[in-house]
Amino acid sequence: MKELMIVANVAIVFGVIYKLFELIVNRKERLSIIEKMSPEQLAKGGRGFSMKFKSFTALHFGCLLVGLGLGLLAGYMIACETQPGYPHDASWPVRDALSIIYGGSVLLGGGLGLLVAFLIEMKCRKTEK
């Protein structure tokens, strides 16, 4: 468990540092967008200003999480069908097979989720033009 906590702490530190650098770098872009706004749009709080490129980050994360969840569900169903006595048997060969089943199904589900997000993004960009 200690190894997992070390990895999690390092990931959190690097994530915070990355976000700080991203915030600094994107400052100029946000300032240029604000400069392009008219006074009427600024009075409305920036509504009515259409950006040329939309961000699909929420779509990517949503499809990724859905894919991971479906991958876990598929892995559980595969494990129950292929491993006799799965919930109660804790022998080494069963655990070894389960790690392969769960790992493969989660990675496959996450990849399919990102592929679906990419296809949705391409469709939205194509209809935008």
Protein backbone atom coordinates (compact mmCIF):
# COMPACT_ATOMS: atom_id res chain seq x y z
CA MET A 1 0.00 0.00 0.00
CA LYS A 2 2.93 2.36 0.65
CA GLU A 3 4.08 2.07 -2.96
CA LEU A 4 0.65 3.11 -4.19
CA MET A 5 0.63 6.16 -1.93
CA ILE A 6 4.05 7.23 -3.19
CA VAL A 7 2.88 7.00 -6.79
CA ALA A 8 -0.32 8.90 -5.99
CA ASN A 9 1.56 11.70 -4.20
CA VAL A 10 4.03 12.10 -7.06
CA ALA A 11 1.16 12.18 -9.56
CA ILE A 12 -0.65 14.87 -7.56
CA VAL A 13 2.47 17.04 -7.27
CA PHE A 14 3.26 16.81 -10.97
CA GLY A 15 -0.39 17.40 -11.86
CA VAL A 16 -0.49 20.61 -9.81
CA ILE A 17 2.77 21.84 -11.33
CA TYR A 18 1.49 21.06 -14.84
CA LYS A 19 -1.76 22.94 -14.24
CA LEU A 20 0.14 25.97 -12.92
CA PHE A 21 2.29 26.10 -16.04
CA GLU A 22 -0.79 25.65 -18.22
CA LEU A 23 -2.48 28.53 -16.40
CA ILE A 24 0.49 30.82 -17.01
CA VAL A 25 0.86 29.86 -20.67
CA ASN A 26 -2.84 30.28 -21.51
CA ARG A 27 -3.01 33.74 -19.87
CA LYS A 28 -2.01 35.54 -23.08
CA GLU A 29 -4.63 33.67 -25.07
CA ARG A 30 -7.38 34.59 -22.61
CA LEU A 31 -6.30 38.22 -22.60
CA SER A 32 -6.42 38.38 -26.40
CA ILE A 33 -9.95 36.93 -26.39
CA ILE A 34 -11.05 39.55 -23.84
CA GLU A 35 -9.50 42.32 -25.97
CA LYS A 36 -11.54 41.16 -28.99
CA MET A 37 -14.81 41.48 -27.07
CA SER A 38 -16.94 44.53 -27.49
CA PRO A 39 -18.05 46.56 -24.45
CA GLU A 40 -21.62 45.23 -24.84
CA GLN A 41 -20.40 41.64 -24.65
CA LEU A 42 -18.26 42.43 -21.61
CA ALA A 43 -21.31 43.98 -19.90
CA LYS A 44 -23.23 40.72 -20.55
CA GLY A 45 -20.45 38.73 -18.93
CA GLY A 46 -18.90 37.51 -22.16
CA ARG A 47 -22.00 35.77 -23.48
CA GLY A 48 -22.60 36.06 -27.19
CA PHE A 49 -18.92 35.68 -28.05
CA SER A 50 -18.41 32.55 -30.09
CA MET A 51 -15.03 30.92 -30.02
CA LYS A 52 -13.70 29.38 -33.20
CA PHE A 53 -12.47 26.20 -31.52
CA LYS A 54 -14.45 24.42 -28.86
CA SER A 55 -12.88 22.35 -26.14
CA PHE A 56 -13.93 18.70 -26.02
CA THR A 57 -12.09 17.87 -22.79
CA ALA A 58 -15.26 17.00 -20.89
CA LEU A 59 -16.36 14.72 -23.72
CA HIS A 60 -12.98 12.97 -23.72
CA PHE A 61 -12.99 12.40 -19.96
CA GLY A 62 -16.64 11.33 -19.97
CA CYS A 63 -16.17 8.78 -22.74
CA LEU A 64 -12.94 7.56 -21.14
CA LEU A 65 -14.64 6.98 -17.77
CA VAL A 66 -17.64 5.29 -19.40
CA GLY A 67 -15.27 3.06 -21.35
CA LEU A 68 -13.32 2.18 -18.21
CA GLY A 69 -16.51 1.38 -16.34
CA LEU A 70 -17.81 -0.81 -19.15
CA GLY A 71 -14.40 -2.49 -19.34
CA LEU A 72 -14.53 -3.31 -15.63
CA LEU A 73 -18.04 -4.67 -16.00
CA ALA A 74 -17.03 -6.77 -19.00
CA GLY A 75 -13.95 -8.00 -17.11
CA TYR A 76 -16.08 -9.06 -14.16
CA MET A 77 -18.50 -10.92 -16.42
CA ILE A 78 -15.64 -12.64 -18.25
CA ALA A 79 -14.00 -13.56 -14.94
CA CYS A 80 -17.20 -15.04 -13.56
CA GLU A 81 -17.73 -17.14 -16.68
CA THR A 82 -14.17 -18.35 -17.23
CA GLN A 83 -12.81 -18.85 -13.70
CA PRO A 84 -14.57 -21.60 -11.74
CA GLY A 85 -15.32 -20.48 -8.20
CA TYR A 86 -14.08 -16.93 -8.90
CA PRO A 87 -15.51 -14.96 -5.98
CA HIS A 88 -14.37 -17.51 -3.38
CA ASP A 89 -11.24 -19.05 -4.90
CA ALA A 90 -8.08 -17.08 -4.07
CA SER A 91 -5.45 -19.38 -5.54
CA TRP A 92 -2.49 -17.91 -7.38
CA PRO A 93 -3.41 -19.10 -10.92
CA VAL A 94 -6.90 -17.63 -10.59
CA ARG A 95 -5.56 -14.26 -9.39
CA ASP A 96 -2.99 -14.25 -12.19
CA ALA A 97 -5.66 -14.90 -14.81
CA LEU A 98 -7.94 -12.28 -13.27
CA SER A 99 -5.26 -9.59 -13.47
CA ILE A 100 -4.89 -10.26 -17.18
CA ILE A 101 -8.66 -10.29 -17.75
CA TYR A 102 -9.30 -7.07 -15.82
CA GLY A 103 -6.28 -5.25 -17.21
CA GLY A 104 -7.07 -6.13 -20.81
CA SER A 105 -10.76 -5.31 -20.57
CA VAL A 106 -10.15 -1.96 -18.83
CA LEU A 107 -7.55 -0.90 -21.40
CA LEU A 108 -9.77 -2.02 -24.27
CA GLY A 109 -12.80 -0.21 -22.81
CA GLY A 110 -10.82 2.99 -22.22
CA GLY A 111 -9.42 2.90 -25.75
CA LEU A 112 -12.86 2.37 -27.23
CA GLY A 113 -14.22 5.24 -25.13
CA LEU A 114 -11.55 7.60 -26.45
CA LEU A 115 -12.20 6.39 -29.99
CA VAL A 116 -15.90 7.19 -29.58
CA ALA A 117 -15.01 10.65 -28.21
CA PHE A 118 -12.75 11.27 -31.22
CA LEU A 119 -15.49 10.26 -33.67
CA ILE A 120 -18.03 12.52 -31.93
CA GLU A 121 -15.55 15.41 -31.98
CA MET A 122 -14.84 14.94 -35.69
CA LYS A 123 -18.56 14.86 -36.45
CA CYS A 124 -19.12 18.08 -34.47
CA ARG A 125 -16.23 19.84 -36.19
CA LYS A 126 -17.44 18.73 -39.60
CA THR A 127 -20.97 20.07 -39.03
CA GLU A 128 -19.47 23.31 -37.65
CA LYS A 129 -17.77 24.17 -40.96
